[in-house]
């Protein structure tokens, strides 16, 4: 096994130079490398490489261009994270309302295994998830101000308070083990099919974790693909081997999910913010073009039109 040795800032700069990158200001580059980490910045090199075989940078590539792509991804990630938190809060509110209304607001009521799917293959998962939620009650009952208030004053924690301390992943998994009629009731609030929401939620939870940990966002691919939607059709997205080229398991698929789940004004505001970030990157790069970045993201060039498509068109299609 080849050992990876520590490289100081001078050596890190030399590696970039050796691979053909133009370094205009070594002092500036070292400051950025110290603050941002060579490994993380180098993760954005792929679009600037000559080819898969020739791992040198394209002629004319500057450090400033690489750093611009890095900053672009950070800004994009921050906007996506903000609206994922909106979705997370909405989902927790809707689920806690629907389930409390039907099953009760005390732990012994809403955490009853009989409230969930009766499918035999789901029982182990249901029992495990209930244990996780009860653990959260024990852990947060005296540590979180909201849960402490209810425990101290009422002796129980209602679901609409508990969801505040549950992870998006647990809430998403909780949806998958609900009875079918409860899944439908919740999905109807969003105007989507329960089967689609079951696919969407793990994708959203994974992206939420990716954003929270500042992993590379723009070229991320999901394990599962989303279904074909009216949006793919109305945007005239190209097909390859009868499959849509964009918006299936890429970042644009996430944007389509957000289109379906966010309120109209929220989605339009998000589009404006993302468009500005893309325009800024376009201004700052020369060696590569913005179209190559959009392609890597899975974005069609007319992606902004998604914000102006009215929801009623989707409803008519379905």
Protein backbone atom coordinates (compact mmCIF):
# COMPACT_ATOMS: atom_id res chain seq x y z
CA UNK A 1 0.00 0.00 0.00
CA UNK A 2 1.39 3.42 -1.02
CA UNK A 3 1.74 5.73 1.97
CA UNK A 4 0.45 9.31 1.74
CA UNK A 5 2.96 11.60 3.43
CA UNK A 6 2.32 15.05 4.87
CA UNK A 7 2.95 17.89 2.41
CA UNK A 8 3.64 21.40 3.63
CA UNK A 9 2.13 24.43 1.91
CA UNK A 10 5.15 24.96 -0.37
CA UNK A 11 4.97 21.33 -1.49
CA UNK A 12 1.22 21.58 -2.06
CA UNK A 13 1.76 24.61 -4.31
CA UNK A 14 4.51 22.72 -6.16
CA UNK A 15 2.12 19.82 -6.83
CA UNK A 16 -0.34 22.21 -8.48
CA UNK A 17 2.46 23.76 -10.54
CA UNK A 18 3.81 20.36 -11.56
CA UNK A 19 0.35 19.44 -12.87
CA UNK A 20 0.21 22.58 -15.00
CA UNK A 21 -1.80 24.98 -12.85
CA UNK A 22 -0.98 28.67 -13.08
CA UNK A 23 -0.17 30.16 -9.66
CA UNK A 24 -0.34 33.95 -9.84
CA UNK A 25 0.18 34.73 -6.15
CA UNK A 26 1.84 32.04 -4.03
CA UNK A 27 1.21 33.86 -0.75
CA UNK A 28 -2.53 34.09 -1.50
CA UNK A 29 -2.68 30.42 -2.55
CA UNK A 30 -0.94 29.29 0.65
CA UNK A 31 -3.40 31.28 2.76
CA UNK A 32 -6.32 29.59 1.00
CA UNK A 33 -4.78 26.13 1.27
CA UNK A 34 -4.17 26.61 4.98
CA UNK A 35 -7.76 27.68 5.62
CA UNK A 36 -9.62 25.43 3.19
CA UNK A 37 -7.48 22.24 3.00
CA UNK A 38 -5.62 21.08 -0.11
CA UNK A 39 -7.51 17.77 -0.17
CA UNK A 40 -10.93 19.47 -0.24
CA UNK A 41 -9.93 21.98 -2.92
CA UNK A 42 -8.31 19.30 -5.07
CA UNK A 43 -11.66 17.47 -5.05
CA UNK A 44 -12.88 20.08 -7.55
CA UNK A 45 -10.13 19.46 -10.10
CA UNK A 46 -11.92 17.02 -12.42
CA UNK A 47 -13.52 19.52 -14.82
CA UNK A 48 -10.14 21.24 -15.22
CA UNK A 49 -8.20 18.09 -16.14
CA UNK A 50 -7.18 17.44 -19.74
CA UNK A 51 -8.64 13.93 -19.74
CA UNK A 52 -9.16 10.83 -17.61
CA UNK A 53 -5.79 9.57 -18.83
CA UNK A 54 -3.89 12.87 -18.74
CA UNK A 55 -4.32 14.09 -15.15
CA UNK A 56 -2.64 17.45 -15.78
CA UNK A 57 -4.64 20.65 -15.74
CA UNK A 58 -5.91 22.12 -18.99
CA UNK A 59 -3.69 24.83 -20.41
CA UNK A 60 -4.39 28.17 -18.76
CA UNK A 61 -6.08 26.79 -15.64
CA UNK A 62 -5.52 29.11 -12.68
CA UNK A 63 -5.80 28.46 -8.97
CA UNK A 64 -8.42 31.22 -8.85
CA UNK A 65 -10.66 29.21 -11.19
CA UNK A 66 -10.40 26.08 -9.06
CA UNK A 67 -11.14 28.13 -5.95
CA UNK A 68 -14.11 29.77 -7.70
CA UNK A 69 -15.65 26.35 -8.34
CA UNK A 70 -15.03 25.45 -4.70
CA UNK A 71 -16.75 28.66 -3.52
CA UNK A 72 -19.55 28.12 -6.01
CA UNK A 73 -20.27 24.71 -4.54
CA UNK A 74 -20.18 26.11 -1.01
CA UNK A 75 -22.66 28.88 -1.87
CA UNK A 76 -24.90 26.47 -3.78
CA UNK A 77 -24.78 24.02 -0.89
CA UNK A 78 -25.70 26.72 1.64
CA UNK A 79 -28.79 27.72 -0.36
CA UNK A 80 -29.89 24.11 -0.85
CA UNK A 81 -29.34 23.44 2.86
CA UNK A 82 -31.52 26.39 3.80
CA UNK A 83 -34.46 25.10 1.78
CA UNK A 84 -33.92 21.51 2.89
CA UNK A 85 -34.39 22.77 6.43
CA UNK A 86 -37.69 24.32 5.32
CA UNK A 87 -38.76 20.93 3.96
CA UNK A 88 -37.60 19.21 7.15
CA UNK A 89 -39.61 21.57 9.34
CA UNK A 90 -42.68 21.24 7.12
CA UNK A 91 -42.51 17.44 7.15
CA UNK A 92 -42.12 17.27 10.92
CA UNK A 93 -45.06 19.63 11.39
CA UNK A 94 -47.33 17.78 8.97
CA UNK A 95 -46.48 14.32 10.28
CA UNK A 96 -46.82 15.27 13.95
CA UNK A 97 -50.18 16.94 13.27
CA UNK A 98 -51.62 14.06 11.28
CA UNK A 99 -50.43 11.33 13.63
CA UNK A 100 -51.31 13.18 16.85
CA UNK A 101 -54.79 13.86 15.53
CA UNK A 102 -55.32 10.19 14.75
CA UNK A 103 -53.42 8.36 17.49
CA UNK A 104 -53.02 10.79 20.39
CA UNK A 105 -50.33 13.10 21.72
CA UNK A 106 -48.72 11.09 24.53
CA UNK A 107 -45.75 8.79 23.93
CA UNK A 108 -47.65 5.64 24.90
CA UNK A 109 -50.27 6.57 22.29
CA UNK A 110 -48.27 7.71 19.26
CA UNK A 111 -45.43 5.21 19.82
CA UNK A 112 -47.73 2.20 19.88
CA UNK A 113 -46.48 -0.37 17.34
CA UNK A 114 -50.10 -0.98 16.27
CA UNK A 115 -50.15 2.51 14.71
CA UNK A 116 -47.63 1.46 12.07
CA UNK A 117 -47.57 -0.88 9.10
CA UNK A 118 -48.76 -4.42 9.79
CA UNK A 119 -46.52 -5.94 7.11
CA UNK A 120 -44.54 -8.79 8.75
CA UNK A 121 -41.27 -7.76 7.08
CA UNK A 122 -41.58 -4.28 8.63
CA UNK A 123 -41.97 -5.34 12.27
CA UNK A 124 -38.27 -5.46 13.16
CA UNK A 125 -37.73 -2.04 11.60
CA UNK A 126 -40.77 -0.64 13.44
CA UNK A 127 -39.58 -1.93 16.81
CA UNK A 128 -36.09 -0.59 16.17
CA UNK A 129 -37.38 2.87 15.22
CA UNK A 130 -39.66 3.08 18.24
CA UNK A 131 -36.64 2.27 20.43
CA UNK A 132 -34.67 5.08 18.75
CA UNK A 133 -37.48 7.55 19.38
CA UNK A 134 -37.87 6.49 23.02
CA UNK A 135 -34.12 6.94 23.43
CA UNK A 136 -34.43 10.47 22.10
CA UNK A 137 -37.12 11.13 24.71
CA UNK A 138 -34.83 9.86 27.47
CA UNK A 139 -31.78 11.76 26.22
CA UNK A 140 -33.51 15.04 25.43
CA UNK A 141 -36.17 15.00 28.12
CA UNK A 142 -33.89 16.93 30.46
CA UNK A 143 -31.49 18.54 27.98
CA UNK A 144 -33.68 20.34 25.42
CA UNK A 145 -35.65 23.33 26.68
CA UNK A 146 -38.90 22.39 24.89
CA UNK A 147 -38.88 18.74 25.97
CA UNK A 148 -37.82 19.68 29.50
CA UNK A 149 -40.77 22.08 29.73
CA UNK A 150 -43.28 19.37 28.80
CA UNK A 151 -41.71 16.69 30.99
CA UNK A 152 -41.56 19.04 33.98
CA UNK A 153 -45.03 20.52 33.57
CA UNK A 154 -47.08 17.76 31.95
CA UNK A 155 -45.15 14.53 32.42
CA UNK A 156 -45.01 13.65 28.73
CA UNK A 157 -43.59 14.91 25.41
CA UNK A 158 -46.11 15.35 22.59
CA UNK A 159 -45.05 14.32 19.10
CA UNK A 160 -45.06 17.90 17.81
CA UNK A 161 -42.34 18.67 20.37
CA UNK A 162 -40.44 15.40 19.98
CA UNK A 163 -39.95 15.92 16.24
CA UNK A 164 -37.86 18.99 17.07
CA UNK A 165 -35.10 16.76 18.41
CA UNK A 166 -35.48 13.90 15.91
CA UNK A 167 -33.14 13.77 12.93
CA UNK A 168 -34.50 14.16 9.41
CA UNK A 169 -33.35 10.61 8.78
CA UNK A 170 -35.46 9.18 11.61
CA UNK A 171 -38.53 11.17 10.56
CA UNK A 172 -38.04 10.05 6.94
CA UNK A 173 -37.75 6.42 8.02
CA UNK A 174 -40.82 6.85 10.20
CA UNK A 175 -42.83 7.80 7.12
CA UNK A 176 -41.83 4.57 5.35
CA UNK A 177 -43.27 2.40 8.14
CA UNK A 178 -46.59 4.20 8.52
CA UNK A 179 -49.83 2.58 7.48
CA UNK A 180 -50.60 3.18 3.83
CA UNK A 181 -53.58 5.42 4.59
CA UNK A 182 -51.42 7.63 6.82
CA UNK A 183 -48.74 7.88 4.15
CA UNK A 184 -51.40 8.94 1.66
CA UNK A 185 -52.84 11.58 4.01
CA UNK A 186 -49.40 13.13 4.48
CA UNK A 187 -48.47 12.93 0.79
CA UNK A 188 -51.78 14.57 -0.14
CA UNK A 189 -50.74 17.71 1.74
CA UNK A 190 -47.88 18.04 -0.76
CA UNK A 191 -49.99 16.96 -3.71
CA UNK A 192 -47.74 14.00 -4.53
CA UNK A 193 -48.15 10.24 -4.58
CA UNK A 194 -47.22 8.38 -1.39
CA UNK A 195 -44.91 6.09 -3.41
CA UNK A 196 -43.01 9.10 -4.70
CA UNK A 197 -42.68 10.68 -1.27
CA UNK A 198 -41.27 7.39 0.00
CA UNK A 199 -38.51 7.72 -2.61
CA UNK A 200 -38.00 11.46 -2.07
CA UNK A 201 -37.49 11.48 1.70
CA UNK A 202 -34.30 9.34 1.90
CA UNK A 203 -32.83 11.41 -0.94
CA UNK A 204 -33.63 14.61 0.94
CA UNK A 205 -32.21 13.21 4.18
CA UNK A 206 -28.97 12.19 2.42
CA UNK A 207 -28.58 15.62 0.81
CA UNK A 208 -29.29 17.27 4.15
CA UNK A 209 -26.40 15.31 5.71
CA UNK A 210 -24.15 16.03 2.73
CA UNK A 211 -24.80 19.77 3.07
CA UNK A 212 -24.36 19.74 6.83
CA UNK A 213 -20.93 18.09 6.48
CA UNK A 214 -19.82 20.30 3.55
CA UNK A 215 -19.25 17.44 1.14
CA UNK A 216 -19.03 18.10 -2.59
CA UNK A 217 -22.55 18.82 -3.79
CA UNK A 218 -22.60 19.84 -7.43
CA UNK A 219 -21.62 16.48 -8.93
CA UNK A 220 -23.27 14.22 -6.36
CA UNK A 221 -25.31 11.29 -7.64
CA UNK A 222 -28.02 9.48 -5.68
CA UNK A 223 -28.36 5.71 -5.38
CA UNK A 224 -32.02 5.80 -6.42
CA UNK A 225 -33.53 7.60 -9.39
CA UNK A 226 -36.74 9.56 -9.15
CA UNK A 227 -39.69 8.86 -11.42
CA UNK A 228 -40.21 10.67 -14.73
CA UNK A 229 -42.25 13.82 -14.15
CA UNK A 230 -44.13 16.32 -16.25
CA UNK A 231 -41.22 18.67 -15.60
CA UNK A 232 -38.83 16.46 -17.57
CA UNK A 233 -41.25 16.62 -20.46
CA UNK A 234 -42.03 20.35 -20.32
CA UNK A 235 -38.34 21.26 -20.15
CA UNK A 236 -37.70 19.06 -23.21
CA UNK A 237 -34.88 17.25 -21.44
CA UNK A 238 -32.87 15.11 -23.83
CA UNK A 239 -33.29 11.34 -23.70
CA UNK A 240 -30.49 8.79 -24.04
CA UNK A 241 -31.54 5.17 -24.60
CA UNK A 242 -35.10 6.24 -23.75
CA UNK A 243 -34.00 7.62 -20.36
CA UNK A 244 -33.90 11.30 -19.46
CA UNK A 245 -30.32 12.57 -19.40
CA UNK A 246 -30.90 14.99 -16.53
CA UNK A 247 -33.05 15.07 -13.43
CA UNK A 248 -33.07 11.40 -12.48
CA UNK A 249 -30.28 10.72 -9.95
CA UNK A 250 -28.33 13.98 -10.07
CA UNK A 251 -28.53 17.36 -8.39
CA UNK A 252 -31.31 18.46 -10.74
CA UNK A 253 -33.40 15.54 -9.50
CA UNK A 254 -33.15 17.15 -6.06
CA UNK A 255 -34.31 20.45 -7.56
CA UNK A 256 -37.34 18.68 -9.06
CA UNK A 257 -38.15 17.17 -5.66
CA UNK A 258 -37.92 20.63 -4.08
CA UNK A 259 -40.20 21.97 -6.81
CA UNK A 260 -42.81 19.42 -5.80
CA UNK A 261 -42.53 19.91 -2.05
CA UNK A 262 -41.73 23.59 -1.48
CA UNK A 263 -44.28 26.38 -1.55
CA UNK A 264 -44.31 28.29 -4.84
CA UNK A 265 -42.70 31.47 -3.47
CA UNK A 266 -39.99 29.52 -1.67
CA UNK A 267 -39.06 27.69 -4.84
CA UNK A 268 -38.95 30.90 -6.88
CA UNK A 269 -36.74 32.57 -4.28
CA UNK A 270 -34.44 29.57 -4.27
CA UNK A 271 -34.19 29.68 -8.07
CA UNK A 272 -33.22 33.35 -7.97
CA UNK A 273 -30.51 32.68 -5.40
CA UNK A 274 -29.10 29.71 -7.32
CA UNK A 275 -29.17 31.60 -10.61
CA UNK A 276 -27.09 34.40 -9.10
CA UNK A 277 -24.53 31.88 -7.82
CA UNK A 278 -24.26 30.27 -11.27
CA UNK A 279 -23.83 33.68 -12.92
CA UNK A 280 -21.01 34.52 -10.50
CA UNK A 281 -19.17 31.31 -11.37
CA UNK A 282 -19.68 31.94 -15.08
CA UNK A 283 -17.96 35.31 -14.63
CA UNK A 284 -15.01 33.79 -12.76
CA UNK A 285 -14.06 30.86 -15.02
CA UNK A 286 -12.25 30.94 -18.36
CA UNK A 287 -10.64 27.54 -18.94
CA UNK A 288 -13.97 25.71 -18.73
CA UNK A 289 -17.44 27.02 -19.58
CA UNK A 290 -20.53 27.16 -17.41
CA UNK A 291 -22.28 24.61 -19.62
CA UNK A 292 -19.77 21.94 -18.60
CA UNK A 293 -20.48 22.70 -14.94
CA UNK A 294 -24.26 22.53 -15.50
CA UNK A 295 -23.84 19.23 -17.33
CA UNK A 296 -21.87 17.84 -14.39
CA UNK A 297 -24.72 18.91 -12.11
CA UNK A 298 -27.36 17.35 -14.33
CA UNK A 299 -28.88 20.76 -15.06
CA UNK A 300 -30.42 21.44 -18.48
CA UNK A 301 -29.49 24.89 -19.78
CA UNK A 302 -33.13 26.00 -19.41
CA UNK A 303 -33.38 24.82 -15.79
CA UNK A 304 -34.65 28.20 -14.56
CA UNK A 305 -37.89 27.69 -16.49
CA UNK A 306 -38.84 25.15 -13.84
CA UNK A 307 -39.80 27.99 -11.50
CA UNK A 308 -42.38 29.36 -13.95
CA UNK A 309 -44.14 26.03 -14.59
CA UNK A 310 -47.43 26.09 -12.73
CA UNK A 311 -48.25 23.15 -10.50
CA UNK A 312 -51.64 22.69 -12.20
CA UNK A 313 -49.87 21.42 -15.33
CA UNK A 314 -48.40 18.56 -13.33
CA UNK A 315 -51.78 17.79 -11.83
CA UNK A 316 -53.35 17.67 -15.29
CA UNK A 317 -50.66 15.27 -16.47
CA UNK A 318 -51.21 12.93 -13.55
